[in-house]
Amino acid sequence: MREGALAAGCMLFAGYPITPATEIDEFMAGRLPRAGGIYIQGEDELASLGMVLGARPPAGKAMTATSETAFV
């Protein structure tokens, strides 16, 4: 999913490092800025989802991950 999100043009990831989403969060934190995207760590999962929803039109494709699943 992580590489696929980058290949699909994901340019913004906003997340909160909580198990089991920590692996996705760490990957995007290291890889997305090198690909020209933006990584933001929210104060909790709901804040991260709000950032993705608010940034999606200007940022293009955006993604978050929660302890339950990932949303693209």
PDB file of N, CA and C in Angstrom:
ATOM      1  N   MET A   1       0.824  -1.194   0.000  1.00  0.00           N
ATOM      2  CA  MET A   1       0.000   0.000   0.000  1.00  0.00           C
ATOM      3  C   MET A   1       0.871   1.263   0.000  1.00  0.00           C
ATOM      4  N   ARG A   2       1.968   1.252   0.733  1.00  0.00           N
ATOM      5  CA  ARG A   2       2.784   2.473   0.848  1.00  0.00           C
ATOM      6  C   ARG A   2       3.374   2.879  -0.489  1.00  0.00           C
ATOM      7  N   GLU A   3       4.061   1.953  -1.154  1.00  0.00           N
ATOM      8  CA  GLU A   3       4.647   2.255  -2.460  1.00  0.00           C
ATOM      9  C   GLU A   3       3.554   2.552  -3.478  1.00  0.00           C
ATOM     10  N   GLY A   4       2.444   1.854  -3.369  1.00  0.00           N
ATOM     11  CA  GLY A   4       1.331   2.072  -4.283  1.00  0.00           C
ATOM     12  C   GLY A   4       0.755   3.469  -4.156  1.00  0.00           C
ATOM     13  N   ALA A   5       0.689   3.982  -2.926  1.00  0.00           N
ATOM     14  CA  ALA A   5       0.186   5.344  -2.713  1.00  0.00           C
ATOM     15  C   ALA A   5       1.113   6.365  -3.373  1.00  0.00           C
ATOM     16  N   LEU A   6       2.406   6.160  -3.263  1.00  0.00           N
ATOM     17  CA  LEU A   6       3.357   7.067  -3.907  1.00  0.00           C
ATOM     18  C   LEU A   6       3.271   6.956  -5.426  1.00  0.00           C
ATOM     19  N   ALA A   7       3.166   5.735  -5.924  1.00  0.00           N
ATOM     20  CA  ALA A   7       3.062   5.531  -7.366  1.00  0.00           C
ATOM     21  C   ALA A   7       1.782   6.141  -7.926  1.00  0.00           C
ATOM     22  N   ALA A   8       0.737   6.184  -7.113  1.00  0.00           N
ATOM     23  CA  ALA A   8      -0.542   6.755  -7.547  1.00  0.00           C
ATOM     24  C   ALA A   8      -0.570   8.272  -7.447  1.00  0.00           C
ATOM     25  N   GLY A   9       0.495   8.863  -6.901  1.00  0.00           N
ATOM     26  CA  GLY A   9       0.578  10.317  -6.837  1.00  0.00           C
ATOM     27  C   GLY A   9       0.197  10.941  -5.512  1.00  0.00           C
ATOM     28  N   CYS A  10       0.204  10.169  -4.445  1.00  0.00           N
ATOM     29  CA  CYS A  10      -0.082  10.737  -3.120  1.00  0.00           C
ATOM     30  C   CYS A  10       0.987  11.777  -2.781  1.00  0.00           C
ATOM     31  N   MET A  11       0.557  12.998  -2.496  1.00  0.00           N
ATOM     32  CA  MET A  11       1.507  14.078  -2.221  1.00  0.00           C
ATOM     33  C   MET A  11       1.419  14.605  -0.792  1.00  0.00           C
ATOM     34  N   LEU A  12       0.468  14.083  -0.002  1.00  0.00           N
ATOM     35  CA  LEU A  12       0.346  14.526   1.383  1.00  0.00           C
ATOM     36  C   LEU A  12      -0.056  13.345   2.253  1.00  0.00           C
ATOM     37  N   PHE A  13       0.651  13.180   3.346  1.00  0.00           N
ATOM     38  CA  PHE A  13       0.287  12.186   4.346  1.00  0.00           C
ATOM     39  C   PHE A  13       0.199  12.901   5.678  1.00  0.00           C
ATOM     40  N   ALA A  14      -0.930  12.773   6.333  1.00  0.00           N
ATOM     41  CA  ALA A  14      -1.106  13.287   7.691  1.00  0.00           C
ATOM     42  C   ALA A  14      -1.486  12.103   8.555  1.00  0.00           C
ATOM     43  N   GLY A  15      -0.712  11.844   9.574  1.00  0.00           N
ATOM     44  CA  GLY A  15      -0.981  10.671  10.398  1.00  0.00           C
ATOM     45  C   GLY A  15      -0.559  10.858  11.830  1.00  0.00           C
ATOM     46  N   TYR A  16      -0.931   9.891  12.626  1.00  0.00           N
ATOM     47  CA  TYR A  16      -0.571   9.847  14.039  1.00  0.00           C
ATOM     48  C   TYR A  16       0.007   8.456  14.284  1.00  0.00           C
ATOM     49  N   PRO A  17       1.233   8.375  14.787  1.00  0.00           N
ATOM     50  CA  PRO A  17       1.876   7.065  14.944  1.00  0.00           C
ATOM     51  C   PRO A  17       1.238   6.237  16.062  1.00  0.00           C
ATOM     52  N   ILE A  18       0.338   5.348  15.683  1.00  0.00           N
ATOM     53  CA  ILE A  18      -0.323   4.462  16.636  1.00  0.00           C
ATOM     54  C   ILE A  18      -0.378   3.073  16.001  1.00  0.00           C
ATOM     55  N   THR A  19      -0.080   2.074  16.766  1.00  0.00           N
ATOM     56  CA  THR A  19      -0.050   0.707  16.258  1.00  0.00           C
ATOM     57  C   THR A  19      -1.424   0.300  15.762  1.00  0.00           C
ATOM     58  N   PRO A  20      -1.555  -0.332  14.629  1.00  0.00           N
ATOM     59  CA  PRO A  20      -0.539  -0.843  13.705  1.00  0.00           C
ATOM     60  C   PRO A  20      -0.192   0.120  12.579  1.00  0.00           C
ATOM     61  N   ALA A  21      -0.652   1.356  12.624  1.00  0.00           N
ATOM     62  CA  ALA A  21      -0.396   2.312  11.547  1.00  0.00           C
ATOM     63  C   ALA A  21       1.002   2.919  11.616  1.00  0.00           C
ATOM     64  N   THR A  22       1.751   2.653  12.678  1.00  0.00           N
ATOM     65  CA  THR A  22       3.086   3.242  12.845  1.00  0.00           C
ATOM     66  C   THR A  22       4.002   2.918  11.678  1.00  0.00           C
ATOM     67  N   GLU A  23       3.927   1.707  11.156  1.00  0.00           N
ATOM     68  CA  GLU A  23       4.785   1.309  10.041  1.00  0.00           C
ATOM     69  C   GLU A  23       4.528   2.183   8.816  1.00  0.00           C
ATOM     70  N   ILE A  24       3.274   2.457   8.527  1.00  0.00           N
ATOM     71  CA  ILE A  24       2.923   3.307   7.391  1.00  0.00           C
ATOM     72  C   ILE A  24       3.396   4.731   7.650  1.00  0.00           C
ATOM     73  N   ASP A  25       3.167   5.224   8.867  1.00  0.00           N
ATOM     74  CA  ASP A  25       3.565   6.574   9.255  1.00  0.00           C
ATOM     75  C   ASP A  25       5.074   6.777   9.098  1.00  0.00           C
ATOM     76  N   GLU A  26       5.865   5.840   9.601  1.00  0.00           N
ATOM     77  CA  GLU A  26       7.323   5.954   9.522  1.00  0.00           C
ATOM     78  C   GLU A  26       7.811   5.913   8.070  1.00  0.00           C
ATOM     79  N   PHE A  27       7.224   5.048   7.271  1.00  0.00           N
ATOM     80  CA  PHE A  27       7.609   4.964   5.867  1.00  0.00           C
ATOM     81  C   PHE A  27       7.335   6.288   5.157  1.00  0.00           C
ATOM     82  N   MET A  28       6.124   6.804   5.332  1.00  0.00           N
ATOM     83  CA  MET A  28       5.746   8.045   4.643  1.00  0.00           C
ATOM     84  C   MET A  28       6.574   9.233   5.147  1.00  0.00           C
ATOM     85  N   ALA A  29       6.914   9.247   6.427  1.00  0.00           N
ATOM     86  CA  ALA A  29       7.732  10.334   6.978  1.00  0.00           C
ATOM     87  C   ALA A  29       9.113  10.377   6.323  1.00  0.00           C
ATOM     88  N   GLY A  30       9.660   9.215   6.011  1.00  0.00           N
ATOM     89  CA  GLY A  30      10.981   9.169   5.400  1.00  0.00           C
ATOM     90  C   GLY A  30      10.965   9.314   3.889  1.00  0.00           C
ATOM     91  N   ARG A  31       9.953   8.785   3.261  1.00  0.00           N
ATOM     92  CA  ARG A  31       9.952   8.695   1.797  1.00  0.00           C
ATOM     93  C   ARG A  31       9.213   9.836   1.099  1.00  0.00           C
ATOM     94  N   LEU A  32       8.107  10.287   1.664  1.00  0.00           N
ATOM     95  CA  LEU A  32       7.278  11.280   0.983  1.00  0.00           C
ATOM     96  C   LEU A  32       7.996  12.615   0.760  1.00  0.00           C
ATOM     97  N   PRO A  33       8.689  13.186   1.743  1.00  0.00           N
ATOM     98  CA  PRO A  33       9.397  14.452   1.470  1.00  0.00           C
ATOM     99  C   PRO A  33      10.453  14.320   0.369  1.00  0.00           C
ATOM    100  N   ARG A  34      11.110  13.177   0.290  1.00  0.00           N
ATOM    101  CA  ARG A  34      12.109  12.966  -0.778  1.00  0.00           C
ATOM    102  C   ARG A  34      11.457  12.882  -2.142  1.00  0.00           C
ATOM    103  N   ALA A  35      10.167  12.528  -2.170  1.00  0.00           N
ATOM    104  CA  ALA A  35       9.431  12.442  -3.431  1.00  0.00           C
ATOM    105  C   ALA A  35       8.731  13.764  -3.765  1.00  0.00           C
ATOM    106  N   GLY A  36       8.973  14.806  -2.955  1.00  0.00           N
ATOM    107  CA  GLY A  36       8.375  16.106  -3.216  1.00  0.00           C
ATOM    108  C   GLY A  36       7.042  16.330  -2.540  1.00  0.00           C
ATOM    109  N   GLY A  37       6.655  15.412  -1.655  1.00  0.00           N
ATOM    110  CA  GLY A  37       5.379  15.523  -0.957  1.00  0.00           C
ATOM    111  C   GLY A  37       5.533  16.117   0.438  1.00  0.00           C
ATOM    112  N   ILE A  38       4.448  16.121   1.166  1.00  0.00           N
ATOM    113  CA  ILE A  38       4.401  16.711   2.507  1.00  0.00           C
ATOM    114  C   ILE A  38       3.966  15.660   3.509  1.00  0.00           C
ATOM    115  N   TYR A  39       4.694  15.580   4.617  1.00  0.00           N
ATOM    116  CA  TYR A  39       4.343  14.697   5.721  1.00  0.00           C
ATOM    117  C   TYR A  39       3.989  15.578   6.919  1.00  0.00           C
ATOM    118  N   ILE A  40       2.851  15.301   7.535  1.00  0.00           N
ATOM    119  CA  ILE A  40       2.420  16.046   8.722  1.00  0.00           C
ATOM    120  C   ILE A  40       2.022  15.040   9.794  1.00  0.00           C
ATOM    121  N   GLN A  41       2.515  15.234  11.013  1.00  0.00           N
ATOM    122  CA  GLN A  41       2.078  14.391  12.129  1.00  0.00           C
ATOM    123  C   GLN A  41       1.039  15.159  12.928  1.00  0.00           C
ATOM    124  N   GLY A  42      -0.158  14.610  12.985  1.00  0.00           N
ATOM    125  CA  GLY A  42      -1.241  15.240  13.731  1.00  0.00           C
ATOM    126  C   GLY A  42      -1.179  14.911  15.210  1.00  0.00           C
ATOM    127  N   GLU A  43      -1.947  15.643  16.013  1.00  0.00           N
ATOM    128  CA  GLU A  43      -1.964  15.387  17.459  1.00  0.00           C
ATOM    129  C   GLU A  43      -2.784  14.165  17.836  1.00  0.00           C
ATOM    130  N   ASP A  44      -3.635  13.716  16.928  1.00  0.00           N
ATOM    131  CA  ASP A  44      -4.376  12.469  17.101  1.00  0.00           C
ATOM    132  C   ASP A  44      -4.926  12.045  15.744  1.00  0.00           C
ATOM    133  N   GLU A  45      -5.619  10.901  15.733  1.00  0.00           N
ATOM    134  CA  GLU A  45      -6.114  10.364  14.464  1.00  0.00           C
ATOM    135  C   GLU A  45      -7.170  11.268  13.826  1.00  0.00           C
ATOM    136  N   LEU A  46      -8.051  11.818  14.619  1.00  0.00           N
ATOM    137  CA  LEU A  46      -9.095  12.683  14.058  1.00  0.00           C
ATOM    138  C   LEU A  46      -8.519  13.958  13.459  1.00  0.00           C
ATOM    139  N   ALA A  47      -7.527  14.531  14.113  1.00  0.00           N
ATOM    140  CA  ALA A  47      -6.889  15.728  13.565  1.00  0.00           C
ATOM    141  C   ALA A  47      -6.204  15.412  12.235  1.00  0.00           C
ATOM    142  N   SER A  48      -5.578  14.259  12.160  1.00  0.00           N
ATOM    143  CA  SER A  48      -4.914  13.850  10.922  1.00  0.00           C
ATOM    144  C   SER A  48      -5.917  13.678   9.790  1.00  0.00           C
ATOM    145  N   LEU A  49      -7.053  13.086  10.077  1.00  0.00           N
ATOM    146  CA  LEU A  49      -8.091  12.933   9.066  1.00  0.00           C
ATOM    147  C   LEU A  49      -8.596  14.298   8.611  1.00  0.00           C
ATOM    148  N   GLY A  50      -8.775  15.223   9.547  1.00  0.00           N
ATOM    149  CA  GLY A  50      -9.195  16.579   9.189  1.00  0.00           C
ATOM    150  C   GLY A  50      -8.187  17.270   8.290  1.00  0.00           C
ATOM    151  N   MET A  51      -6.896  17.065   8.556  1.00  0.00           N
ATOM    152  CA  MET A  51      -5.854  17.666   7.719  1.00  0.00           C
ATOM    153  C   MET A  51      -5.919  17.119   6.297  1.00  0.00           C
ATOM    154  N   VAL A  52      -6.128  15.810   6.173  1.00  0.00           N
ATOM    155  CA  VAL A  52      -6.222  15.190   4.852  1.00  0.00           C
ATOM    156  C   VAL A  52      -7.434  15.722   4.098  1.00  0.00           C
ATOM    157  N   LEU A  53      -8.572  15.789   4.764  1.00  0.00           N
ATOM    158  CA  LEU A  53      -9.782  16.279   4.106  1.00  0.00           C
ATOM    159  C   LEU A  53      -9.652  17.741   3.702  1.00  0.00           C
ATOM    160  N   GLY A  54      -9.039  18.550   4.547  1.00  0.00           N
ATOM    161  CA  GLY A  54      -8.874  19.970   4.249  1.00  0.00           C
ATOM    162  C   GLY A  54      -7.845  20.246   3.179  1.00  0.00           C
ATOM    163  N   ALA A  55      -6.828  19.424   3.093  1.00  0.00           N
ATOM    164  CA  ALA A  55      -5.734  19.670   2.151  1.00  0.00           C
ATOM    165  C   ALA A  55      -5.935  18.980   0.816  1.00  0.00           C
ATOM    166  N   ARG A  56      -6.874  18.061   0.743  1.00  0.00           N
ATOM    167  CA  ARG A  56      -6.991  17.230  -0.445  1.00  0.00           C
ATOM    168  C   ARG A  56      -7.164  17.995  -1.746  1.00  0.00           C
ATOM    169  N   PRO A  57      -8.064  18.953  -1.878  1.00  0.00           N
ATOM    170  CA  PRO A  57      -8.182  19.610  -3.188  1.00  0.00           C
ATOM    171  C   PRO A  57      -6.883  20.274  -3.664  1.00  0.00           C
ATOM    172  N   PRO A  58      -6.230  21.122  -2.864  1.00  0.00           N
ATOM    173  CA  PRO A  58      -5.010  21.744  -3.387  1.00  0.00           C
ATOM    174  C   PRO A  58      -3.812  20.796  -3.439  1.00  0.00           C
ATOM    175  N   ALA A  59      -3.749  19.829  -2.542  1.00  0.00           N
ATOM    176  CA  ALA A  59      -2.590  18.931  -2.500  1.00  0.00           C
ATOM    177  C   ALA A  59      -2.705  17.786  -3.494  1.00  0.00           C
ATOM    178  N   GLY A  60      -3.871  17.579  -4.051  1.00  0.00           N
ATOM    179  CA  GLY A  60      -4.070  16.424  -4.923  1.00  0.00           C
ATOM    180  C   GLY A  60      -4.431  15.215  -4.086  1.00  0.00           C
ATOM    181  N   LYS A  61      -3.759  14.118  -4.295  1.00  0.00           N
ATOM    182  CA  LYS A  61      -4.051  12.907  -3.532  1.00  0.00           C
ATOM    183  C   LYS A  61      -3.402  12.993  -2.157  1.00  0.00           C
ATOM    184  N   ALA A  62      -4.201  12.664  -1.139  1.00  0.00           N
ATOM    185  CA  ALA A  62      -3.727  12.719   0.241  1.00  0.00           C
ATOM    186  C   ALA A  62      -4.118  11.431   0.944  1.00  0.00           C
ATOM    187  N   MET A  63      -3.416  11.110   2.030  1.00  0.00           N
ATOM    188  CA  MET A  63      -3.621   9.836   2.702  1.00  0.00           C
ATOM    189  C   MET A  63      -3.413   9.986   4.197  1.00  0.00           C
ATOM    190  N   THR A  64      -4.141   9.182   4.956  1.00  0.00           N
ATOM    191  CA  THR A  64      -3.892   9.025   6.373  1.00  0.00           C
ATOM    192  C   THR A  64      -3.991   7.552   6.700  1.00  0.00           C
ATOM    193  N   ALA A  65      -3.532   7.175   7.875  1.00  0.00           N
ATOM    194  CA  ALA A  65      -3.650   5.798   8.357  1.00  0.00           C
ATOM    195  C   ALA A  65      -4.065   5.868   9.815  1.00  0.00           C
ATOM    196  N   THR A  66      -4.907   4.943  10.223  1.00  0.00           N
ATOM    197  CA  THR A  66      -5.341   4.908  11.611  1.00  0.00           C
ATOM    198  C   THR A  66      -5.007   3.542  12.191  1.00  0.00           C
ATOM    199  N   SER A  67      -5.386   3.325  13.421  1.00  0.00           N
ATOM    200  CA  SER A  67      -5.149   2.026  14.048  1.00  0.00           C
ATOM    201  C   SER A  67      -6.053   0.956  13.432  1.00  0.00           C
ATOM    202  N   GLU A  68      -7.046   1.361  12.660  1.00  0.00           N
ATOM    203  CA  GLU A  68      -7.977   0.420  12.054  1.00  0.00           C
ATOM    204  C   GLU A  68      -7.655   0.118  10.604  1.00  0.00           C
ATOM    205  N   THR A  69      -7.373   1.160   9.811  1.00  0.00           N
ATOM    206  CA  THR A  69      -7.189   0.968   8.375  1.00  0.00           C
ATOM    207  C   THR A  69      -6.512   2.198   7.786  1.00  0.00           C
ATOM    208  N   ALA A  70      -6.314   2.211   6.500  1.00  0.00           N
ATOM    209  CA  ALA A  70      -5.755   3.370   5.807  1.00  0.00           C
ATOM    210  C   ALA A  70      -6.791   3.912   4.836  1.00  0.00           C
ATOM    211  N   PHE A  71      -6.820   5.216   4.674  1.00  0.00           N
ATOM    212  CA  PHE A  71      -7.761   5.872   3.770  1.00  0.00           C
ATOM    213  C   PHE A  71      -6.987   6.656   2.730  1.00  0.00           C
ATOM    214  N   VAL A  72      -7.306   6.459   1.478  1.00  0.00           N
ATOM    215  CA  VAL A  72      -6.646   7.200   0.397  1.00  0.00           C
ATOM    216  C   VAL A  72      -7.707   7.994  -0.347  1.00  0.00           C
TER     217      VAL A  72
END
